Amino acid sequence: MPRFFFHVRSACKDLSRDELGLDYPDVETAYLEVFRGAQGMMCEFAARSLNPQDYAVEIENDSGEVVFELPFSEVSGRQIP
């Protein structure tokens, strides 16, 4: 099963790296899990007085390739696709 790493990038390009990663059967499943997790993180941003619009999650495969990026601006107010 492929491993994916979920890094959080800020607008000023700071990166919080996921060093452990998680195993998912495919990229689509990883995306759905990231989308759900990002929705849950919205409250965390608010609690820290941070604007979630300034952040994105980069998903990297086990080869080190970024397979997609999910800006928090796409998560706000949307249902899981």
PDB file of N, CA and C in Angstrom:
ATOM      1  N   MET A   1       0.854  -1.177   0.000  1.00  0.00           N
ATOM      2  CA  MET A   1       0.000   0.000   0.000  1.00  0.00           C
ATOM      3  C   MET A   1       0.899   1.239   0.000  1.00  0.00           C
ATOM      4  N   PRO A   2       0.607   2.210  -0.861  1.00  0.00           N
ATOM      5  CA  PRO A   2       1.439   3.414  -0.942  1.00  0.00           C
ATOM      6  C   PRO A   2       1.354   4.263   0.328  1.00  0.00           C
ATOM      7  N   ARG A   3       2.449   4.948   0.621  1.00  0.00           N
ATOM      8  CA  ARG A   3       2.515   5.857   1.766  1.00  0.00           C
ATOM      9  C   ARG A   3       2.471   7.288   1.235  1.00  0.00           C
ATOM     10  N   PHE A   4       1.697   8.118   1.937  1.00  0.00           N
ATOM     11  CA  PHE A   4       1.575   9.532   1.587  1.00  0.00           C
ATOM     12  C   PHE A   4       1.955  10.378   2.793  1.00  0.00           C
ATOM     13  N   PHE A   5       2.561  11.532   2.507  1.00  0.00           N
ATOM     14  CA  PHE A   5       2.989  12.459   3.544  1.00  0.00           C
ATOM     15  C   PHE A   5       2.215  13.759   3.356  1.00  0.00           C
ATOM     16  N   PHE A   6       1.777  14.330   4.462  1.00  0.00           N
ATOM     17  CA  PHE A   6       0.882  15.486   4.433  1.00  0.00           C
ATOM     18  C   PHE A   6       1.575  16.679   5.094  1.00  0.00           C
ATOM     19  N   HIS A   7       2.083  17.574   4.267  1.00  0.00           N
ATOM     20  CA  HIS A   7       2.814  18.743   4.743  1.00  0.00           C
ATOM     21  C   HIS A   7       1.888  19.958   4.698  1.00  0.00           C
ATOM     22  N   VAL A   8       1.988  20.811   5.719  1.00  0.00           N
ATOM     23  CA  VAL A   8       1.191  22.038   5.743  1.00  0.00           C
ATOM     24  C   VAL A   8       2.114  23.201   5.406  1.00  0.00           C
ATOM     25  N   ARG A   9       1.733  23.952   4.361  1.00  0.00           N
ATOM     26  CA  ARG A   9       2.529  25.086   3.906  1.00  0.00           C
ATOM     27  C   ARG A   9       1.761  26.379   4.161  1.00  0.00           C
ATOM     28  N   SER A  10       2.480  27.383   4.667  1.00  0.00           N
ATOM     29  CA  SER A  10       1.866  28.691   4.899  1.00  0.00           C
ATOM     30  C   SER A  10       2.103  29.589   3.683  1.00  0.00           C
ATOM     31  N   ALA A  11       1.417  30.726   3.667  1.00  0.00           N
ATOM     32  CA  ALA A  11       1.545  31.670   2.558  1.00  0.00           C
ATOM     33  C   ALA A  11       2.981  32.190   2.439  1.00  0.00           C
ATOM     34  N   CYS A  12       3.691  32.261   3.556  1.00  0.00           N
ATOM     35  CA  CYS A  12       5.081  32.736   3.503  1.00  0.00           C
ATOM     36  C   CYS A  12       6.045  31.589   3.198  1.00  0.00           C
ATOM     37  N   LYS A  13       5.495  30.450   2.771  1.00  0.00           N
ATOM     38  CA  LYS A  13       6.242  29.283   2.296  1.00  0.00           C
ATOM     39  C   LYS A  13       6.905  28.462   3.395  1.00  0.00           C
ATOM     40  N   ASP A  14       6.567  28.731   4.665  1.00  0.00           N
ATOM     41  CA  ASP A  14       7.039  27.856   5.735  1.00  0.00           C
ATOM     42  C   ASP A  14       6.347  26.508   5.572  1.00  0.00           C
ATOM     43  N   LEU A  15       7.058  25.455   5.930  1.00  0.00           N
ATOM     44  CA  LEU A  15       6.524  24.119   5.726  1.00  0.00           C
ATOM     45  C   LEU A  15       6.623  23.318   7.013  1.00  0.00           C
ATOM     46  N   SER A  16       5.491  22.758   7.416  1.00  0.00           N
ATOM     47  CA  SER A  16       5.448  21.823   8.536  1.00  0.00           C
ATOM     48  C   SER A  16       5.413  20.434   7.911  1.00  0.00           C
ATOM     49  N   ARG A  17       6.516  19.711   8.039  1.00  0.00           N
ATOM     50  CA  ARG A  17       6.663  18.421   7.356  1.00  0.00           C
ATOM     51  C   ARG A  17       6.112  17.263   8.170  1.00  0.00           C
ATOM     52  N   ASP A  18       5.419  16.385   7.475  1.00  0.00           N
ATOM     53  CA  ASP A  18       4.955  15.121   8.033  1.00  0.00           C
ATOM     54  C   ASP A  18       6.074  14.109   7.782  1.00  0.00           C
ATOM     55  N   GLU A  19       6.704  13.654   8.841  1.00  0.00           N
ATOM     56  CA  GLU A  19       7.827  12.725   8.704  1.00  0.00           C
ATOM     57  C   GLU A  19       7.382  11.258   8.733  1.00  0.00           C
ATOM     58  N   LEU A  20       6.161  10.993   9.190  1.00  0.00           N
ATOM     59  CA  LEU A  20       5.700   9.608   9.327  1.00  0.00           C
ATOM     60  C   LEU A  20       4.861   9.126   8.150  1.00  0.00           C
ATOM     61  N   GLY A  21       3.934   9.940   7.705  1.00  0.00           N
ATOM     62  CA  GLY A  21       3.061   9.570   6.611  1.00  0.00           C
ATOM     63  C   GLY A  21       2.016   8.546   7.022  1.00  0.00           C
ATOM     64  N   LEU A  22       1.112   8.279   6.103  1.00  0.00           N
ATOM     65  CA  LEU A  22       0.050   7.294   6.299  1.00  0.00           C
ATOM     66  C   LEU A  22      -0.116   6.487   5.025  1.00  0.00           C
ATOM     67  N   ASP A  23      -0.540   5.246   5.185  1.00  0.00           N
ATOM     68  CA  ASP A  23      -0.756   4.367   4.040  1.00  0.00           C
ATOM     69  C   ASP A  23      -2.209   4.448   3.581  1.00  0.00           C
ATOM     70  N   TYR A  24      -2.385   4.631   2.275  1.00  0.00           N
ATOM     71  CA  TYR A  24      -3.705   4.627   1.654  1.00  0.00           C
ATOM     72  C   TYR A  24      -3.617   3.823   0.362  1.00  0.00           C
ATOM     73  N   PRO A  25      -4.711   3.230  -0.073  1.00  0.00           N
ATOM     74  CA  PRO A  25      -4.660   2.397  -1.279  1.00  0.00           C
ATOM     75  C   PRO A  25      -4.373   3.180  -2.560  1.00  0.00           C
ATOM     76  N   ASP A  26      -4.746   4.488  -2.580  1.00  0.00           N
ATOM     77  CA  ASP A  26      -4.550   5.278  -3.798  1.00  0.00           C
ATOM     78  C   ASP A  26      -4.610   6.768  -3.467  1.00  0.00           C
ATOM     79  N   VAL A  27      -4.293   7.584  -4.469  1.00  0.00           N
ATOM     80  CA  VAL A  27      -4.272   9.036  -4.311  1.00  0.00           C
ATOM     81  C   VAL A  27      -5.661   9.578  -3.988  1.00  0.00           C
ATOM     82  N   GLU A  28      -6.689   9.027  -4.600  1.00  0.00           N
ATOM     83  CA  GLU A  28      -8.051   9.515  -4.372  1.00  0.00           C
ATOM     84  C   GLU A  28      -8.455   9.353  -2.902  1.00  0.00           C
ATOM     85  N   THR A  29      -8.120   8.213  -2.315  1.00  0.00           N
ATOM     86  CA  THR A  29      -8.444   7.979  -0.908  1.00  0.00           C
ATOM     87  C   THR A  29      -7.657   8.936  -0.023  1.00  0.00           C
ATOM     88  N   ALA A  30      -6.394   9.147  -0.355  1.00  0.00           N
ATOM     89  CA  ALA A  30      -5.570  10.095   0.406  1.00  0.00           C
ATOM     90  C   ALA A  30      -6.177  11.495   0.342  1.00  0.00           C
ATOM     91  N   TYR A  31      -6.638  11.901  -0.847  1.00  0.00           N
ATOM     92  CA  TYR A  31      -7.259  13.220  -1.006  1.00  0.00           C
ATOM     93  C   TYR A  31      -8.488  13.359  -0.112  1.00  0.00           C
ATOM     94  N   LEU A  32      -9.356  12.365  -0.131  1.00  0.00           N
ATOM     95  CA  LEU A  32     -10.571  12.436   0.686  1.00  0.00           C
ATOM     96  C   LEU A  32     -10.239  12.537   2.176  1.00  0.00           C
ATOM     97  N   GLU A  33      -9.241  11.806   2.608  1.00  0.00           N
ATOM     98  CA  GLU A  33      -8.834  11.872   4.017  1.00  0.00           C
ATOM     99  C   GLU A  33      -8.247  13.240   4.358  1.00  0.00           C
ATOM    100  N   VAL A  34      -7.470  13.798   3.448  1.00  0.00           N
ATOM    101  CA  VAL A  34      -6.910  15.140   3.662  1.00  0.00           C
ATOM    102  C   VAL A  34      -8.029  16.166   3.718  1.00  0.00           C
ATOM    103  N   PHE A  35      -8.997  16.039   2.833  1.00  0.00           N
ATOM    104  CA  PHE A  35     -10.117  16.979   2.815  1.00  0.00           C
ATOM    105  C   PHE A  35     -10.855  16.938   4.152  1.00  0.00           C
ATOM    106  N   ARG A  36     -11.148  15.740   4.646  1.00  0.00           N
ATOM    107  CA  ARG A  36     -11.830  15.602   5.947  1.00  0.00           C
ATOM    108  C   ARG A  36     -10.989  16.198   7.069  1.00  0.00           C
ATOM    109  N   GLY A  37      -9.709  15.892   7.066  1.00  0.00           N
ATOM    110  CA  GLY A  37      -8.808  16.407   8.096  1.00  0.00           C
ATOM    111  C   GLY A  37      -8.693  17.921   8.050  1.00  0.00           C
ATOM    112  N   ALA A  38      -8.658  18.468   6.855  1.00  0.00           N
ATOM    113  CA  ALA A  38      -8.561  19.918   6.698  1.00  0.00           C
ATOM    114  C   ALA A  38      -9.807  20.608   7.241  1.00  0.00           C
ATOM    115  N   GLN A  39     -10.968  19.998   7.029  1.00  0.00           N
ATOM    116  CA  GLN A  39     -12.195  20.574   7.596  1.00  0.00           C
ATOM    117  C   GLN A  39     -12.098  20.635   9.117  1.00  0.00           C
ATOM    118  N   GLY A  40     -11.564  19.600   9.724  1.00  0.00           N
ATOM    119  CA  GLY A  40     -11.405  19.574  11.170  1.00  0.00           C
ATOM    120  C   GLY A  40     -10.385  20.572  11.680  1.00  0.00           C
ATOM    121  N   MET A  41      -9.411  20.910  10.842  1.00  0.00           N
ATOM    122  CA  MET A  41      -8.366  21.854  11.252  1.00  0.00           C
ATOM    123  C   MET A  41      -8.836  23.299  11.228  1.00  0.00           C
ATOM    124  N   MET A  42      -9.953  23.580  10.585  1.00  0.00           N
ATOM    125  CA  MET A  42     -10.436  24.959  10.484  1.00  0.00           C
ATOM    126  C   MET A  42     -10.640  25.573  11.872  1.00  0.00           C
ATOM    127  N   CYS A  43     -11.147  24.811  12.814  1.00  0.00           N
ATOM    128  CA  CYS A  43     -11.344  25.304  14.181  1.00  0.00           C
ATOM    129  C   CYS A  43     -10.005  25.597  14.856  1.00  0.00           C
ATOM    130  N   GLU A  44      -9.026  24.776  14.553  1.00  0.00           N
ATOM    131  CA  GLU A  44      -7.691  24.975  15.115  1.00  0.00           C
ATOM    132  C   GLU A  44      -7.091  26.299  14.652  1.00  0.00           C
ATOM    133  N   PHE A  45      -7.268  26.622  13.379  1.00  0.00           N
ATOM    134  CA  PHE A  45      -6.789  27.912  12.868  1.00  0.00           C
ATOM    135  C   PHE A  45      -7.494  29.054  13.593  1.00  0.00           C
ATOM    136  N   ALA A  46      -8.798  28.949  13.738  1.00  0.00           N
ATOM    137  CA  ALA A  46      -9.568  30.006  14.406  1.00  0.00           C
ATOM    138  C   ALA A  46      -9.104  30.171  15.847  1.00  0.00           C
ATOM    139  N   ALA A  47      -8.862  29.078  16.539  1.00  0.00           N
ATOM    140  CA  ALA A  47      -8.421  29.138  17.939  1.00  0.00           C
ATOM    141  C   ALA A  47      -7.071  29.838  18.074  1.00  0.00           C
ATOM    142  N   ARG A  48      -6.266  29.776  17.032  1.00  0.00           N
ATOM    143  CA  ARG A  48      -4.940  30.408  17.060  1.00  0.00           C
ATOM    144  C   ARG A  48      -4.934  31.765  16.359  1.00  0.00           C
ATOM    145  N   SER A  49      -6.119  32.256  16.011  1.00  0.00           N
ATOM    146  CA  SER A  49      -6.274  33.535  15.308  1.00  0.00           C
ATOM    147  C   SER A  49      -5.482  33.571  14.003  1.00  0.00           C
ATOM    148  N   LEU A  50      -5.479  32.452  13.294  1.00  0.00           N
ATOM    149  CA  LEU A  50      -4.810  32.355  12.000  1.00  0.00           C
ATOM    150  C   LEU A  50      -5.863  32.272  10.900  1.00  0.00           C
ATOM    151  N   ASN A  51      -5.540  32.811   9.755  1.00  0.00           N
ATOM    152  CA  ASN A  51      -6.444  32.753   8.617  1.00  0.00           C
ATOM    153  C   ASN A  51      -6.145  31.482   7.825  1.00  0.00           C
ATOM    154  N   PRO A  52      -7.068  30.528   7.784  1.00  0.00           N
ATOM    155  CA  PRO A  52      -6.803  29.284   7.060  1.00  0.00           C
ATOM    156  C   PRO A  52      -6.576  29.503   5.564  1.00  0.00           C
ATOM    157  N   GLN A  53      -7.057  30.625   5.028  1.00  0.00           N
ATOM    158  CA  GLN A  53      -6.856  30.924   3.607  1.00  0.00           C
ATOM    159  C   GLN A  53      -5.374  31.051   3.258  1.00  0.00           C
ATOM    160  N   ASP A  54      -4.536  31.241   4.290  1.00  0.00           N
ATOM    161  CA  ASP A  54      -3.096  31.417   4.088  1.00  0.00           C
ATOM    162  C   ASP A  54      -2.328  30.094   4.098  1.00  0.00           C
ATOM    163  N   TYR A  55      -3.033  28.969   4.123  1.00  0.00           N
ATOM    164  CA  TYR A  55      -2.385  27.663   4.261  1.00  0.00           C
ATOM    165  C   TYR A  55      -2.889  26.667   3.227  1.00  0.00           C
ATOM    166  N   ALA A  56      -2.062  25.662   2.981  1.00  0.00           N
ATOM    167  CA  ALA A  56      -2.429  24.567   2.083  1.00  0.00           C
ATOM    168  C   ALA A  56      -1.768  23.287   2.585  1.00  0.00           C
ATOM    169  N   VAL A  57      -2.336  22.168   2.221  1.00  0.00           N
ATOM    170  CA  VAL A  57      -1.739  20.867   2.521  1.00  0.00           C
ATOM    171  C   VAL A  57      -1.138  20.338   1.224  1.00  0.00           C
ATOM    172  N   GLU A  58       0.141  19.992   1.268  1.00  0.00           N
ATOM    173  CA  GLU A  58       0.801  19.347   0.139  1.00  0.00           C
ATOM    174  C   GLU A  58       0.866  17.855   0.425  1.00  0.00           C
ATOM    175  N   ILE A  59       0.450  17.057  -0.523  1.00  0.00           N
ATOM    176  CA  ILE A  59       0.483  15.612  -0.353  1.00  0.00           C
ATOM    177  C   ILE A  59       1.587  15.075  -1.252  1.00  0.00           C
ATOM    178  N   GLU A  60       2.498  14.369  -0.601  1.00  0.00           N
ATOM    179  CA  GLU A  60       3.677  13.846  -1.278  1.00  0.00           C
ATOM    180  C   GLU A  60       3.636  12.318  -1.227  1.00  0.00           C
ATOM    181  N   ASN A  61       4.011  11.674  -2.324  1.00  0.00           N
ATOM    182  CA  ASN A  61       4.050  10.213  -2.314  1.00  0.00           C
ATOM    183  C   ASN A  61       5.379   9.736  -1.725  1.00  0.00           C
ATOM    184  N   ASP A  62       5.538   8.434  -1.626  1.00  0.00           N
ATOM    185  CA  ASP A  62       6.745   7.901  -0.994  1.00  0.00           C
ATOM    186  C   ASP A  62       7.992   8.060  -1.854  1.00  0.00           C
ATOM    187  N   SER A  63       7.836   8.560  -3.082  1.00  0.00           N
ATOM    188  CA  SER A  63       8.982   8.872  -3.935  1.00  0.00           C
ATOM    189  C   SER A  63       9.425  10.320  -3.780  1.00  0.00           C
ATOM    190  N   GLY A  64       8.693  11.087  -2.945  1.00  0.00           N
ATOM    191  CA  GLY A  64       9.034  12.491  -2.733  1.00  0.00           C
ATOM    192  C   GLY A  64       8.391  13.442  -3.722  1.00  0.00           C
ATOM    193  N   GLU A  65       7.471  12.942  -4.544  1.00  0.00           N
ATOM    194  CA  GLU A  65       6.780  13.762  -5.534  1.00  0.00           C
ATOM    195  C   GLU A  65       5.488  14.316  -4.935  1.00  0.00           C
ATOM    196  N   VAL A  66       5.267  15.634  -5.074  1.00  0.00           N
ATOM    197  CA  VAL A  66       4.002  16.231  -4.632  1.00  0.00           C
ATOM    198  C   VAL A  66       2.934  15.811  -5.638  1.00  0.00           C
ATOM    199  N   VAL A  67       1.943  15.054  -5.157  1.00  0.00           N
ATOM    200  CA  VAL A  67       0.910  14.537  -6.060  1.00  0.00           C
ATOM    201  C   VAL A  67      -0.310  15.444  -6.132  1.00  0.00           C
ATOM    202  N   PHE A  68      -0.533  16.251  -5.101  1.00  0.00           N
ATOM    203  CA  PHE A  68      -1.536  17.306  -5.175  1.00  0.00           C
ATOM    204  C   PHE A  68      -1.401  18.232  -3.994  1.00  0.00           C
ATOM    205  N   GLU A  69      -2.034  19.380  -4.132  1.00  0.00           N
ATOM    206  CA  GLU A  69      -2.052  20.397  -3.080  1.00  0.00           C
ATOM    207  C   GLU A  69      -3.503  20.780  -2.837  1.00  0.00           C
ATOM    208  N   LEU A  70      -3.858  20.894  -1.576  1.00  0.00           N
ATOM    209  CA  LEU A  70      -5.217  21.276  -1.215  1.00  0.00           C
ATOM    210  C   LEU A  70      -5.165  22.567  -0.397  1.00  0.00           C
ATOM    211  N   PRO A  71      -5.456  23.715  -1.027  1.00  0.00           N
ATOM    212  CA  PRO A  71      -5.523  24.969  -0.267  1.00  0.00           C
ATOM    213  C   PRO A  71      -6.730  24.938   0.679  1.00  0.00           C
ATOM    214  N   PHE A  72      -6.545  25.458   1.867  1.00  0.00           N
ATOM    215  CA  PHE A  72      -7.653  25.495   2.814  1.00  0.00           C
ATOM    216  C   PHE A  72      -8.797  26.358   2.292  1.00  0.00           C
ATOM    217  N   SER A  73      -8.523  27.273   1.366  1.00  0.00           N
ATOM    218  CA  SER A  73      -9.581  28.087   0.777  1.00  0.00           C
ATOM    219  C   SER A  73     -10.584  27.217   0.009  1.00  0.00           C
ATOM    220  N   GLU A  74     -10.155  26.043  -0.460  1.00  0.00           N
ATOM    221  CA  GLU A  74     -11.060  25.136  -1.179  1.00  0.00           C
ATOM    222  C   GLU A  74     -11.873  24.267  -0.219  1.00  0.00           C
ATOM    223  N   VAL A  75     -11.493  24.262   1.044  1.00  0.00           N
ATOM    224  CA  VAL A  75     -12.157  23.415   2.023  1.00  0.00           C
ATOM    225  C   VAL A  75     -13.287  24.145   2.725  1.00  0.00           C
ATOM    226  N   SER A  76     -13.087  25.412   2.971  1.00  0.00           N
ATOM    227  CA  SER A  76     -14.032  26.218   3.738  1.00  0.00           C
ATOM    228  C   SER A  76     -15.432  26.185   3.142  1.00  0.00           C
ATOM    229  N   GLY A  77     -16.379  25.671   3.929  1.00  0.00           N
ATOM    230  CA  GLY A  77     -17.772  25.671   3.529  1.00  0.00           C
ATOM    231  C   GLY A  77     -18.171  24.626   2.501  1.00  0.00           C
ATOM    232  N   ARG A  78     -17.263  23.746   2.113  1.00  0.00           N
ATOM    233  CA  ARG A  78     -17.578  22.726   1.112  1.00  0.00           C
ATOM    234  C   ARG A  78     -17.777  21.375   1.754  1.00  0.00           C
ATOM    235  N   GLN A  79     -18.562  20.570   1.111  1.00  0.00           N
ATOM    236  CA  GLN A  79     -18.781  19.195   1.528  1.00  0.00           C
ATOM    237  C   GLN A  79     -17.704  18.308   0.911  1.00  0.00           C
ATOM    238  N   ILE A  80     -17.506  17.154   1.511  1.00  0.00           N
ATOM    239  CA  ILE A  80     -16.543  16.209   0.956  1.00  0.00           C
ATOM    240  C   ILE A  80     -17.006  15.814  -0.435  1.00  0.00           C
ATOM    241  N   PRO A  81     -16.094  15.902  -1.408  1.00  0.00           N
ATOM    242  CA  PRO A  81     -16.496  15.573  -2.796  1.00  0.00           C
ATOM    243  C   PRO A  81     -16.854  14.105  -2.952  1.00  0.00           C
TER     244      PRO A  81
END
